[in-house]
Amino acid sequence: MSQINVGTVIPDFEAMSTGDKTIKLTDFRGRFVVIYFYPKDNTPGCTQEGQSFRDNIEKFNLLNTVILGVSRDSVGVHEGFKCKQEFPFDLLSDKDEKLCELFDVIKMKNMYGKQVRGIERSTFLIDPQGILIGEWRKVKVKNHSEDILEALTEVSKA
């Protein structure tokens, strides 16, 4: 069960990230934050999703928005993935699944006829005060970053 809901403040968290950094949510107060959870580095859907955020980074920057990708992969694997795909944003390692639990994205999934625990592709939009203002679960990669941009544009007008 999710520990967070739309309209509530996201508890501060800390995670290891690419660039040999420890990232805290409060580091980004004053900016919108998009946190997208994806199953695994270097897989087709996860690569396409990251590329879409990468390709739209200037639009996100204009909307005062930070992008953070999260999976259970190690920082080392993330470094290779980020470099290969030229992602201009950080990838957070959640090997202990604390962020996955906070955002309730670990689900039982069918993979080749077997039940496995895995990350359900999900994205969360946090406002400059740290309040969750949008969530997308069971994300389909196609047009997803554009959907997030549309939502950001709407809340920026308000």
Protein backbone atom coordinates (compact mmCIF):
# COMPACT_ATOMS: atom_id res chain seq x y z
CA MET A 1 0.00 0.00 0.00
CA SER A 2 1.32 3.42 -0.96
CA GLN A 3 2.59 5.66 1.80
CA ILE A 4 1.89 8.72 -0.33
CA ASN A 5 -1.18 10.26 -1.93
CA VAL A 6 -1.82 13.10 -4.35
CA GLY A 7 -2.07 16.33 -2.36
CA THR A 8 0.30 15.26 0.41
CA VAL A 9 3.92 16.21 1.08
CA ILE A 10 6.38 13.52 0.01
CA PRO A 11 8.62 12.51 2.94
CA ASP A 12 12.23 13.47 2.32
CA PHE A 13 14.35 10.60 1.11
CA GLU A 14 17.99 9.99 0.32
CA ALA A 15 19.37 7.77 -2.46
CA MET A 16 22.66 7.07 -4.19
CA SER A 17 22.82 8.45 -7.68
CA THR A 18 24.91 8.64 -10.79
CA GLY A 19 27.73 11.14 -10.57
CA ASP A 20 28.74 9.65 -7.19
CA LYS A 21 26.11 11.75 -5.42
CA THR A 22 23.66 11.25 -2.63
CA ILE A 23 20.41 12.90 -3.64
CA LYS A 24 17.73 14.11 -1.24
CA LEU A 25 14.29 15.23 -2.35
CA THR A 26 14.69 18.45 -0.36
CA ASP A 27 17.68 19.33 -2.59
CA PHE A 28 15.10 20.31 -5.20
CA ARG A 29 12.76 22.55 -3.18
CA GLY A 30 11.66 25.41 -5.41
CA ARG A 31 11.55 23.19 -8.51
CA PHE A 32 9.14 20.64 -9.92
CA VAL A 33 10.43 17.07 -9.72
CA VAL A 34 9.51 14.20 -12.02
CA ILE A 35 10.45 10.83 -10.54
CA TYR A 36 10.00 7.96 -12.92
CA PHE A 37 10.36 4.35 -11.85
CA TYR A 38 11.32 1.79 -14.45
CA PRO A 39 12.08 -1.94 -14.29
CA LYS A 40 15.65 -2.31 -15.59
CA ASP A 41 18.48 -0.46 -17.31
CA ASN A 42 19.38 -1.39 -20.90
CA THR A 43 16.02 -2.94 -21.77
CA PRO A 44 14.02 -1.70 -24.77
CA GLY A 45 11.08 -0.02 -22.99
CA CYS A 46 13.23 1.52 -20.27
CA THR A 47 15.68 2.82 -22.84
CA GLN A 48 12.87 4.38 -24.91
CA GLU A 49 11.34 5.98 -21.82
CA GLY A 50 14.65 7.51 -20.75
CA GLN A 51 15.37 8.70 -24.29
CA SER A 52 12.01 10.46 -24.40
CA PHE A 53 12.77 12.35 -21.19
CA ARG A 54 16.25 13.11 -22.57
CA ASP A 55 14.86 14.36 -25.89
CA ASN A 56 12.44 16.68 -24.07
CA ILE A 57 14.89 17.93 -21.43
CA GLU A 58 14.92 21.53 -22.70
CA LYS A 59 11.13 21.72 -22.34
CA PHE A 60 11.38 20.33 -18.81
CA ASN A 61 14.14 22.82 -18.00
CA LEU A 62 11.96 25.71 -19.21
CA LEU A 63 9.29 24.50 -16.77
CA ASN A 64 11.79 24.50 -13.84
CA THR A 65 11.66 20.71 -13.62
CA VAL A 66 14.20 18.10 -12.50
CA ILE A 67 13.98 14.56 -13.89
CA LEU A 68 15.07 11.59 -11.75
CA GLY A 69 14.95 7.98 -12.95
CA VAL A 70 14.77 5.15 -10.40
CA SER A 71 15.30 1.41 -10.67
CA ARG A 72 16.80 -1.34 -8.51
CA ASP A 73 19.96 -1.43 -10.64
CA SER A 74 23.28 -0.52 -9.01
CA VAL A 75 24.84 2.92 -9.43
CA GLY A 76 27.56 1.28 -11.53
CA VAL A 77 25.04 -0.15 -13.99
CA HIS A 78 23.22 3.21 -13.99
CA GLU A 79 26.48 5.01 -14.85
CA GLY A 80 26.93 2.88 -17.97
CA PHE A 81 23.28 3.26 -19.01
CA LYS A 82 23.32 7.03 -18.47
CA CYS A 83 26.57 7.45 -20.40
CA LYS A 84 25.50 5.20 -23.30
CA GLN A 85 22.14 6.99 -23.67
CA GLU A 86 23.52 10.47 -22.90
CA PHE A 87 20.89 11.09 -20.25
CA PRO A 88 21.21 14.66 -18.89
CA PHE A 89 19.56 13.67 -15.60
CA ASP A 90 20.46 11.47 -12.66
CA LEU A 91 19.47 7.85 -12.14
CA LEU A 92 18.90 6.72 -8.55
CA SER A 93 19.75 3.25 -7.29
CA ASP A 94 17.07 1.70 -5.10
CA LYS A 95 18.65 -1.67 -4.37
CA ASP A 96 17.03 -1.80 -0.91
CA GLU A 97 13.62 -0.90 -2.46
CA LYS A 98 12.92 1.88 0.07
CA LEU A 99 11.78 4.31 -2.64
CA CYS A 100 9.86 1.56 -4.40
CA GLU A 101 8.03 0.86 -1.13
CA LEU A 102 7.40 4.55 -0.43
CA PHE A 103 5.81 5.00 -3.85
CA ASP A 104 4.25 1.50 -3.90
CA VAL A 105 5.66 0.48 -7.27
CA ILE A 106 6.78 -3.10 -6.52
CA LYS A 107 4.17 -5.46 -7.91
CA MET A 108 3.84 -9.12 -8.77
CA LYS A 109 4.20 -9.49 -12.54
CA ASN A 110 4.03 -12.38 -14.98
CA MET A 111 7.29 -13.00 -16.79
CA TYR A 112 7.47 -15.98 -19.11
CA GLY A 113 4.68 -17.67 -17.16
CA LYS A 114 6.23 -17.10 -13.74
CA GLN A 115 5.23 -14.66 -11.02
CA VAL A 116 8.08 -12.26 -10.19
CA ARG A 117 8.36 -9.14 -8.07
CA GLY A 118 9.20 -6.16 -10.20
CA ILE A 119 8.81 -2.42 -10.63
CA GLU A 120 5.57 -1.32 -12.22
CA ARG A 121 6.50 1.53 -14.57
CA SER A 122 5.21 4.62 -12.75
CA THR A 123 5.84 8.38 -12.70
CA PHE A 124 5.24 10.97 -9.99
CA LEU A 125 5.10 14.75 -10.29
CA ILE A 126 6.06 16.76 -7.21
CA ASP A 127 5.55 20.51 -6.95
CA PRO A 128 8.17 23.03 -5.73
CA GLN A 129 6.91 22.69 -2.12
CA GLY A 130 7.34 18.89 -2.14
CA ILE A 131 3.66 18.04 -2.61
CA LEU A 132 2.66 15.17 -4.89
CA ILE A 133 0.46 16.71 -7.59
CA GLY A 134 0.31 13.90 -10.13
CA GLU A 135 0.88 10.20 -10.53
CA TRP A 136 0.85 7.87 -13.50
CA ARG A 137 0.82 4.12 -12.91
CA LYS A 138 1.07 1.22 -15.36
CA VAL A 139 2.75 3.68 -17.73
CA LYS A 140 2.92 2.99 -21.44
CA VAL A 141 6.16 4.43 -22.82
CA LYS A 142 4.78 5.94 -26.02
CA ASN A 143 4.04 9.67 -25.53
CA HIS A 144 4.54 9.41 -21.76
CA SER A 145 7.02 12.26 -21.36
CA GLU A 146 4.72 14.43 -23.48
CA ASP A 147 1.85 13.64 -21.09
CA ILE A 148 4.02 14.77 -18.17
CA LEU A 149 4.95 17.97 -20.04
CA GLU A 150 1.28 18.67 -20.69
CA ALA A 151 0.46 18.26 -16.99
CA LEU A 152 3.40 20.48 -16.02
CA THR A 153 2.30 23.17 -18.46
CA GLU A 154 -1.19 23.14 -16.93
CA VAL A 155 0.01 23.46 -13.33
CA SER A 156 2.54 26.13 -14.31
CA LYS A 157 -0.31 28.28 -15.66
CA ALA A 158 -2.25 28.03 -12.40
